[in-house]
Amino acid sequence: MAYKNPLMPFSPPQPARDAELSADLAAFIESDRFPCVGAKSALGLDQVSSVEAGDFLSDEGDLLMHQQLSQFGRELDPQAMPFKTFVCGFDHAPVMDESTFETALWERLQRLHEIDRQHGVEWAENVSHDPASANFGLSLNCVAYFVIGLHPGASRAARRFCRPALVFNSHDQFEQLRADGRYQALQKVIREKEIDVNGSINPMIGTHGQGNQAAQYSGRQVGDDWECPFQFREPKQA
């Protein structure tokens, strides 16, 4: 059922634009400069879902994103299909520097959280809502995600996509990989590919559950004094 949210109008999915985004994503993930073998596996298994959400600097697509992500979250089964990802893509826009992109990324995530809050949705129990915590994860409709920002102005090739995009990977997926003993091997392969493409490991991507998780979302290299602009708000009571 579609949410009726007074904060923003609802824009339905647009198949033609979604198809263009899917093609862009496939070309990007299949390219040699993209190191994540998990995403390559997901693409090969047709497990990359996506939606085109309009202007990255506007709230016009926030409700659509929330609805599509909620549906994605309800269908997640990490034990049956470990590599599964959801991508929210946005209109092609003038190239933003990394600081501008980071600001816009957290504005979008804050608005998604606000939709949850308006509907009385609790934060996912398996992650912290404190963005300074090593156990932070973005909760949407009670499902915890690690978010990866992509955009044309990214300094790292692995983050340099032709348009702004937000990639949502479930925390349960990472935990399942760890429980299966596959996480370390996967991380090793990704880091080797990152070195081949960029000459070094991305300093802003650490081990899952260690260090500042929120600082990794945008891809911009930040120092230890970086403060996340995200603010958790208690859900509204019925």
C-alpha atoms as a PDB file:
ATOM      1  CA  MET A   1       0.000   0.000   0.000  1.00  0.00           C
ATOM      2  CA  ALA A   2       1.343   3.449  -0.909  1.00  0.00           C
ATOM      3  CA  TYR A   3       2.234   5.681   1.994  1.00  0.00           C
ATOM      4  CA  LYS A   4       0.269   8.890   2.328  1.00  0.00           C
ATOM      5  CA  ASN A   5       2.873  11.315   3.556  1.00  0.00           C
ATOM      6  CA  PRO A   6       2.152  15.040   3.879  1.00  0.00           C
ATOM      7  CA  LEU A   7       5.831  15.926   3.501  1.00  0.00           C
ATOM      8  CA  MET A   8       6.067  15.273  -0.226  1.00  0.00           C
ATOM      9  CA  PRO A   9       4.071  14.205  -3.302  1.00  0.00           C
ATOM     10  CA  PHE A  10       4.324  10.660  -4.616  1.00  0.00           C
ATOM     11  CA  SER A  11       5.851  10.113  -8.065  1.00  0.00           C
ATOM     12  CA  PRO A  12       5.276   6.647  -9.559  1.00  0.00           C
ATOM     13  CA  PRO A  13       8.134   4.643 -11.123  1.00  0.00           C
ATOM     14  CA  GLN A  14       8.981   5.465 -14.749  1.00  0.00           C
ATOM     15  CA  PRO A  15       9.920   2.264 -16.618  1.00  0.00           C
ATOM     16  CA  ALA A  16      11.893   3.958 -19.417  1.00  0.00           C
ATOM     17  CA  ARG A  17      14.080   5.889 -16.987  1.00  0.00           C
ATOM     18  CA  ASP A  18      14.484   2.814 -14.777  1.00  0.00           C
ATOM     19  CA  ALA A  19      15.654   0.816 -17.814  1.00  0.00           C
ATOM     20  CA  GLU A  20      18.246   3.476 -18.659  1.00  0.00           C
ATOM     21  CA  LEU A  21      19.529   3.393 -15.088  1.00  0.00           C
ATOM     22  CA  SER A  22      19.748  -0.410 -15.173  1.00  0.00           C
ATOM     23  CA  ALA A  23      21.836  -0.232 -18.345  1.00  0.00           C
ATOM     24  CA  ASP A  24      24.145   2.384 -16.821  1.00  0.00           C
ATOM     25  CA  LEU A  25      24.607   0.244 -13.712  1.00  0.00           C
ATOM     26  CA  ALA A  26      25.342  -2.913 -15.683  1.00  0.00           C
ATOM     27  CA  ALA A  27      28.029  -1.156 -17.727  1.00  0.00           C
ATOM     28  CA  PHE A  28      29.590   0.298 -14.583  1.00  0.00           C
ATOM     29  CA  ILE A  29      29.583  -2.916 -12.540  1.00  0.00           C
ATOM     30  CA  GLU A  30      30.943  -4.978 -15.428  1.00  0.00           C
ATOM     31  CA  SER A  31      33.818  -2.560 -16.047  1.00  0.00           C
ATOM     32  CA  ASP A  32      37.363  -3.414 -14.961  1.00  0.00           C
ATOM     33  CA  ARG A  33      37.574  -0.280 -12.807  1.00  0.00           C
ATOM     34  CA  PHE A  34      34.807  -1.527 -10.502  1.00  0.00           C
ATOM     35  CA  PRO A  35      36.362  -3.836  -7.875  1.00  0.00           C
ATOM     36  CA  CYS A  36      33.395  -5.227  -5.933  1.00  0.00           C
ATOM     37  CA  VAL A  37      33.073  -8.880  -6.903  1.00  0.00           C
ATOM     38  CA  GLY A  38      29.959  -9.153  -4.719  1.00  0.00           C
ATOM     39  CA  ALA A  39      28.149  -6.631  -6.915  1.00  0.00           C
ATOM     40  CA  LYS A  40      29.393  -8.404 -10.040  1.00  0.00           C
ATOM     41  CA  SER A  41      27.957 -11.643  -8.677  1.00  0.00           C
ATOM     42  CA  ALA A  42      24.648  -9.941  -7.871  1.00  0.00           C
ATOM     43  CA  LEU A  43      24.462  -8.520 -11.401  1.00  0.00           C
ATOM     44  CA  GLY A  44      25.173 -11.928 -12.921  1.00  0.00           C
ATOM     45  CA  LEU A  45      22.385 -13.454 -10.830  1.00  0.00           C
ATOM     46  CA  ASP A  46      19.969 -10.617 -11.697  1.00  0.00           C
ATOM     47  CA  GLN A  47      19.896  -9.501  -8.071  1.00  0.00           C
ATOM     48  CA  VAL A  48      20.563  -5.779  -8.585  1.00  0.00           C
ATOM     49  CA  SER A  49      17.300  -3.866  -8.134  1.00  0.00           C
ATOM     50  CA  SER A  50      17.077  -0.175  -8.960  1.00  0.00           C
ATOM     51  CA  VAL A  51      14.788   2.816  -9.247  1.00  0.00           C
ATOM     52  CA  GLU A  52      15.253   6.215 -10.871  1.00  0.00           C
ATOM     53  CA  ALA A  53      14.417   8.866  -8.271  1.00  0.00           C
ATOM     54  CA  GLY A  54      14.679  12.195 -10.097  1.00  0.00           C
ATOM     55  CA  ASP A  55      16.686  15.169  -8.867  1.00  0.00           C
ATOM     56  CA  PHE A  56      19.338  14.275  -6.275  1.00  0.00           C
ATOM     57  CA  LEU A  57      19.147  17.769  -4.770  1.00  0.00           C
ATOM     58  CA  SER A  58      15.359  17.631  -4.366  1.00  0.00           C
ATOM     59  CA  ASP A  59      12.986  15.632  -2.170  1.00  0.00           C
ATOM     60  CA  GLU A  60      10.771  14.779  -5.152  1.00  0.00           C
ATOM     61  CA  GLY A  61      11.780  11.118  -5.246  1.00  0.00           C
ATOM     62  CA  ASP A  62      12.153  10.409  -1.536  1.00  0.00           C
ATOM     63  CA  LEU A  63       8.787   8.735  -1.051  1.00  0.00           C
ATOM     64  CA  LEU A  64       9.285   6.580  -4.135  1.00  0.00           C
ATOM     65  CA  MET A  65      12.717   5.538  -2.855  1.00  0.00           C
ATOM     66  CA  HIS A  66      11.275   4.655   0.532  1.00  0.00           C
ATOM     67  CA  GLN A  67       8.483   2.581  -0.965  1.00  0.00           C
ATOM     68  CA  GLN A  68      10.792   0.677  -3.294  1.00  0.00           C
ATOM     69  CA  LEU A  69      13.371   0.078  -0.557  1.00  0.00           C
ATOM     70  CA  SER A  70      10.658  -1.117   1.812  1.00  0.00           C
ATOM     71  CA  GLN A  71       9.538  -3.673  -0.760  1.00  0.00           C
ATOM     72  CA  PHE A  72      13.154  -4.723  -1.338  1.00  0.00           C
ATOM     73  CA  GLY A  73      13.683  -5.131   2.404  1.00  0.00           C
ATOM     74  CA  ARG A  74      10.596  -7.303   2.821  1.00  0.00           C
ATOM     75  CA  GLU A  75      11.921  -9.700   0.179  1.00  0.00           C
ATOM     76  CA  LEU A  76      15.480  -9.967   1.518  1.00  0.00           C
ATOM     77  CA  ASP A  77      16.723 -13.401   2.516  1.00  0.00           C
ATOM     78  CA  PRO A  78      20.499 -13.207   3.118  1.00  0.00           C
ATOM     79  CA  GLN A  79      20.793 -16.960   3.683  1.00  0.00           C
ATOM     80  CA  ALA A  80      19.225 -17.785   0.326  1.00  0.00           C
ATOM     81  CA  MET A  81      20.833 -15.047  -1.762  1.00  0.00           C
ATOM     82  CA  PRO A  82      23.844 -13.355  -0.076  1.00  0.00           C
ATOM     83  CA  PHE A  83      24.630 -10.911  -2.869  1.00  0.00           C
ATOM     84  CA  LYS A  84      21.611  -8.694  -3.370  1.00  0.00           C
ATOM     85  CA  THR A  85      21.624  -4.929  -3.662  1.00  0.00           C
ATOM     86  CA  PHE A  86      19.314  -1.984  -4.281  1.00  0.00           C
ATOM     87  CA  VAL A  87      20.355   1.169  -6.131  1.00  0.00           C
ATOM     88  CA  CYS A  88      18.574   4.519  -6.150  1.00  0.00           C
ATOM     89  CA  GLY A  89      19.791   6.468  -9.174  1.00  0.00           C
ATOM     90  CA  PHE A  90      19.155  10.107  -9.972  1.00  0.00           C
ATOM     91  CA  ASP A  91      19.052  12.400 -12.990  1.00  0.00           C
ATOM     92  CA  HIS A  92      22.265  13.202 -14.809  1.00  0.00           C
ATOM     93  CA  ALA A  93      23.350  16.505 -13.285  1.00  0.00           C
ATOM     94  CA  PRO A  94      26.323  18.879 -13.276  1.00  0.00           C
ATOM     95  CA  VAL A  95      29.302  17.250 -11.592  1.00  0.00           C
ATOM     96  CA  MET A  96      29.354  17.944  -7.846  1.00  0.00           C
ATOM     97  CA  ASP A  97      32.486  18.089  -5.759  1.00  0.00           C
ATOM     98  CA  GLU A  98      32.739  15.478  -3.020  1.00  0.00           C
ATOM     99  CA  SER A  99      31.656  17.814  -0.217  1.00  0.00           C
ATOM    100  CA  THR A 100      28.508  18.877  -2.071  1.00  0.00           C
ATOM    101  CA  PHE A 101      27.666  15.270  -2.858  1.00  0.00           C
ATOM    102  CA  GLU A 102      28.200  14.242   0.759  1.00  0.00           C
ATOM    103  CA  THR A 103      25.835  16.966   1.984  1.00  0.00           C
ATOM    104  CA  ALA A 104      23.151  15.916  -0.500  1.00  0.00           C
ATOM    105  CA  LEU A 105      23.600  12.232   0.375  1.00  0.00           C
ATOM    106  CA  TRP A 106      22.883  12.852   4.043  1.00  0.00           C
ATOM    107  CA  GLU A 107      19.934  15.085   3.183  1.00  0.00           C
ATOM    108  CA  ARG A 108      18.379  12.226   1.219  1.00  0.00           C
ATOM    109  CA  LEU A 109      19.047   9.698   3.998  1.00  0.00           C
ATOM    110  CA  GLN A 110      17.680  12.078   6.622  1.00  0.00           C
ATOM    111  CA  ARG A 111      14.465  12.452   4.623  1.00  0.00           C
ATOM    112  CA  LEU A 112      14.109   8.679   4.273  1.00  0.00           C
ATOM    113  CA  HIS A 113      14.476   8.391   8.042  1.00  0.00           C
ATOM    114  CA  GLU A 114      11.830  11.099   8.446  1.00  0.00           C
ATOM    115  CA  ILE A 115       9.355   9.012   6.437  1.00  0.00           C
ATOM    116  CA  ASP A 116       9.974   6.097   8.797  1.00  0.00           C
ATOM    117  CA  ARG A 117       9.545   8.391  11.791  1.00  0.00           C
ATOM    118  CA  GLN A 118       6.279   9.853  10.502  1.00  0.00           C
ATOM    119  CA  HIS A 119       4.858   6.332  10.275  1.00  0.00           C
ATOM    120  CA  GLY A 120       6.029   5.266  13.732  1.00  0.00           C
ATOM    121  CA  VAL A 121       8.634   2.819  12.415  1.00  0.00           C
ATOM    122  CA  GLU A 122      11.228   1.713  14.962  1.00  0.00           C
ATOM    123  CA  TRP A 123      14.962   1.599  14.211  1.00  0.00           C
ATOM    124  CA  ALA A 124      16.353  -1.807  13.215  1.00  0.00           C
ATOM    125  CA  GLU A 125      17.380  -3.700  16.353  1.00  0.00           C
ATOM    126  CA  ASN A 126      20.674  -5.051  14.996  1.00  0.00           C
ATOM    127  CA  VAL A 127      22.349  -1.659  14.445  1.00  0.00           C
ATOM    128  CA  SER A 128      22.903   1.587  16.323  1.00  0.00           C
ATOM    129  CA  HIS A 129      21.167   4.841  15.405  1.00  0.00           C
ATOM    130  CA  ASP A 130      24.229   6.796  16.573  1.00  0.00           C
ATOM    131  CA  PRO A 131      26.223   7.727  13.425  1.00  0.00           C
ATOM    132  CA  ALA A 132      29.422   7.913  15.502  1.00  0.00           C
ATOM    133  CA  SER A 133      29.094   4.240  16.462  1.00  0.00           C
ATOM    134  CA  ALA A 134      31.010   1.459  14.720  1.00  0.00           C
ATOM    135  CA  ASN A 135      27.688  -0.414  14.755  1.00  0.00           C
ATOM    136  CA  PHE A 136      25.762   2.329  12.933  1.00  0.00           C
ATOM    137  CA  GLY A 137      23.556   1.316  10.047  1.00  0.00           C
ATOM    138  CA  LEU A 138      20.831   3.205   8.244  1.00  0.00           C
ATOM    139  CA  SER A 139      17.473   1.726   9.209  1.00  0.00           C
ATOM    140  CA  LEU A 140      14.643   1.839   6.691  1.00  0.00           C
ATOM    141  CA  ASN A 141      11.393   0.105   7.537  1.00  0.00           C
ATOM    142  CA  CYS A 142      13.229  -1.904  10.241  1.00  0.00           C
ATOM    143  CA  VAL A 143      15.941  -3.171   7.861  1.00  0.00           C
ATOM    144  CA  ALA A 144      19.547  -2.043   8.404  1.00  0.00           C
ATOM    145  CA  TYR A 145      21.666  -0.943   5.447  1.00  0.00           C
ATOM    146  CA  PHE A 146      25.190   0.122   4.640  1.00  0.00           C
ATOM    147  CA  VAL A 147      24.984   2.863   2.002  1.00  0.00           C
ATOM    148  CA  ILE A 148      27.518   3.526  -0.750  1.00  0.00           C
ATOM    149  CA  GLY A 149      27.444   6.822  -2.623  1.00  0.00           C
ATOM    150  CA  LEU A 150      28.410   7.008  -6.303  1.00  0.00           C
ATOM    151  CA  HIS A 151      28.766  10.125  -8.451  1.00  0.00           C
ATOM    152  CA  PRO A 152      30.733  11.575 -11.391  1.00  0.00           C
ATOM    153  CA  GLY A 153      32.897  13.771  -9.151  1.00  0.00           C
ATOM    154  CA  ALA A 154      34.258  10.938  -6.981  1.00  0.00           C
ATOM    155  CA  SER A 155      38.032  10.842  -6.611  1.00  0.00           C
ATOM    156  CA  ARG A 156      38.108   7.022  -6.545  1.00  0.00           C
ATOM    157  CA  ALA A 157      37.326   5.144  -9.759  1.00  0.00           C
ATOM    158  CA  ALA A 158      35.188   2.602  -7.890  1.00  0.00           C
ATOM    159  CA  ARG A 159      32.834   5.423  -6.825  1.00  0.00           C
ATOM    160  CA  ARG A 160      32.880   7.384 -10.114  1.00  0.00           C
ATOM    161  CA  PHE A 161      29.520   6.665 -11.721  1.00  0.00           C
ATOM    162  CA  CYS A 162      27.928   8.642 -14.568  1.00  0.00           C
ATOM    163  CA  ARG A 163      25.178  10.011 -12.295  1.00  0.00           C
ATOM    164  CA  PRO A 164      24.504  10.368  -8.558  1.00  0.00           C
ATOM    165  CA  ALA A 165      23.402   7.072  -7.007  1.00  0.00           C
ATOM    166  CA  LEU A 166      22.933   5.497  -3.586  1.00  0.00           C
ATOM    167  CA  VAL A 167      23.630   1.785  -3.177  1.00  0.00           C
ATOM    168  CA  PHE A 168      21.907  -0.031  -0.290  1.00  0.00           C
ATOM    169  CA  ASN A 169      23.385  -3.299   1.004  1.00  0.00           C
ATOM    170  CA  SER A 170      21.809  -5.005   4.003  1.00  0.00           C
ATOM    171  CA  HIS A 171      23.811  -5.463   7.200  1.00  0.00           C
ATOM    172  CA  ASP A 172      22.393  -8.984   7.487  1.00  0.00           C
ATOM    173  CA  GLN A 173      24.074  -9.769   4.173  1.00  0.00           C
ATOM    174  CA  PHE A 174      27.494  -8.834   5.582  1.00  0.00           C
ATOM    175  CA  GLU A 175      26.846 -10.784   8.769  1.00  0.00           C
ATOM    176  CA  GLN A 176      25.843 -13.858   6.773  1.00  0.00           C
ATOM    177  CA  LEU A 177      29.056 -13.642   4.739  1.00  0.00           C
ATOM    178  CA  ARG A 178      31.023 -13.435   7.968  1.00  0.00           C
ATOM    179  CA  ALA A 179      29.148 -16.376   9.500  1.00  0.00           C
ATOM    180  CA  ASP A 180      29.834 -18.428   6.373  1.00  0.00           C
ATOM    181  CA  GLY A 181      33.541 -17.592   6.557  1.00  0.00           C
ATOM    182  CA  ARG A 182      33.494 -15.791   3.208  1.00  0.00           C
ATOM    183  CA  TYR A 183      33.792 -12.159   4.263  1.00  0.00           C
ATOM    184  CA  GLN A 184      37.584 -11.999   4.657  1.00  0.00           C
ATOM    185  CA  ALA A 185      38.233 -13.736   1.333  1.00  0.00           C
ATOM    186  CA  LEU A 186      35.812 -11.410  -0.446  1.00  0.00           C
ATOM    187  CA  GLN A 187      37.385  -8.356   1.164  1.00  0.00           C
ATOM    188  CA  LYS A 188      40.866  -9.531   0.110  1.00  0.00           C
ATOM    189  CA  VAL A 189      39.842  -9.873  -3.549  1.00  0.00           C
ATOM    190  CA  ILE A 190      38.152  -6.459  -3.570  1.00  0.00           C
ATOM    191  CA  ARG A 191      41.189  -4.768  -2.049  1.00  0.00           C
ATOM    192  CA  GLU A 192      43.516  -6.395  -4.567  1.00  0.00           C
ATOM    193  CA  LYS A 193      41.350  -5.115  -7.415  1.00  0.00           C
ATOM    194  CA  GLU A 194      41.222  -1.665  -5.786  1.00  0.00           C
ATOM    195  CA  ILE A 195      45.030  -1.568  -5.749  1.00  0.00           C
ATOM    196  CA  ASP A 196      45.147  -2.599  -9.421  1.00  0.00           C
ATOM    197  CA  VAL A 197      42.824   0.254 -10.427  1.00  0.00           C
ATOM    198  CA  ASN A 198      43.779   3.052  -8.017  1.00  0.00           C
ATOM    199  CA  GLY A 199      47.234   2.029  -6.857  1.00  0.00           C
ATOM    200  CA  SER A 200      46.080   1.865  -3.231  1.00  0.00           C
ATOM    201  CA  ILE A 201      43.322   0.601  -0.962  1.00  0.00           C
ATOM    202  CA  ASN A 202      40.496   3.072  -0.441  1.00  0.00           C
ATOM    203  CA  PRO A 203      41.337   4.611   2.973  1.00  0.00           C
ATOM    204  CA  MET A 204      37.646   5.290   3.628  1.00  0.00           C
ATOM    205  CA  ILE A 205      36.488   1.683   3.327  1.00  0.00           C
ATOM    206  CA  GLY A 206      37.237  -0.399   6.390  1.00  0.00           C
ATOM    207  CA  THR A 207      36.161  -3.744   7.758  1.00  0.00           C
ATOM    208  CA  HIS A 208      32.441  -4.157   8.355  1.00  0.00           C
ATOM    209  CA  GLY A 209      31.562  -3.304  11.948  1.00  0.00           C
ATOM    210  CA  GLN A 210      34.879  -1.599  12.683  1.00  0.00           C
ATOM    211  CA  GLY A 211      35.594   2.128  12.720  1.00  0.00           C
ATOM    212  CA  ASN A 212      33.234   4.903  11.669  1.00  0.00           C
ATOM    213  CA  GLN A 213      30.718   3.333   9.300  1.00  0.00           C
ATOM    214  CA  ALA A 214      28.871   6.552   8.455  1.00  0.00           C
ATOM    215  CA  ALA A 215      32.101   8.255   7.335  1.00  0.00           C
ATOM    216  CA  GLN A 216      32.409   5.655   4.573  1.00  0.00           C
ATOM    217  CA  TYR A 217      29.047   6.345   2.947  1.00  0.00           C
ATOM    218  CA  SER A 218      29.901   9.254   0.627  1.00  0.00           C
ATOM    219  CA  GLY A 219      33.388   8.115  -0.361  1.00  0.00           C
ATOM    220  CA  ARG A 220      34.986  11.458   0.508  1.00  0.00           C
ATOM    221  CA  GLN A 221      38.186  11.109   2.512  1.00  0.00           C
ATOM    222  CA  VAL A 222      37.621  12.664   5.938  1.00  0.00           C
ATOM    223  CA  GLY A 223      39.586  12.908   9.168  1.00  0.00           C
ATOM    224  CA  ASP A 224      38.915  11.590  12.645  1.00  0.00           C
ATOM    225  CA  ASP A 225      37.212  14.885  13.548  1.00  0.00           C
ATOM    226  CA  TRP A 226      34.482  14.418  10.924  1.00  0.00           C
ATOM    227  CA  GLU A 227      30.956  14.668  12.304  1.00  0.00           C
ATOM    228  CA  CYS A 228      28.023  13.041  10.577  1.00  0.00           C
ATOM    229  CA  PRO A 229      25.106  15.439   9.937  1.00  0.00           C
ATOM    230  CA  PHE A 230      22.523  12.674  10.336  1.00  0.00           C
ATOM    231  CA  GLN A 231      20.200  13.061  13.322  1.00  0.00           C
ATOM    232  CA  PHE A 232      18.136  10.203  14.684  1.00  0.00           C
ATOM    233  CA  ARG A 233      14.619  11.154  15.745  1.00  0.00           C
ATOM    234  CA  GLU A 234      12.274   8.992  17.773  1.00  0.00           C
ATOM    235  CA  PRO A 235       9.308   7.629  15.792  1.00  0.00           C
ATOM    236  CA  LYS A 236       5.974   9.339  16.179  1.00  0.00           C
ATOM    237  CA  GLN A 237       3.521   7.549  18.407  1.00  0.00           C
ATOM    238  CA  ALA A 238       0.101   6.596  17.041  1.00  0.00           C
END
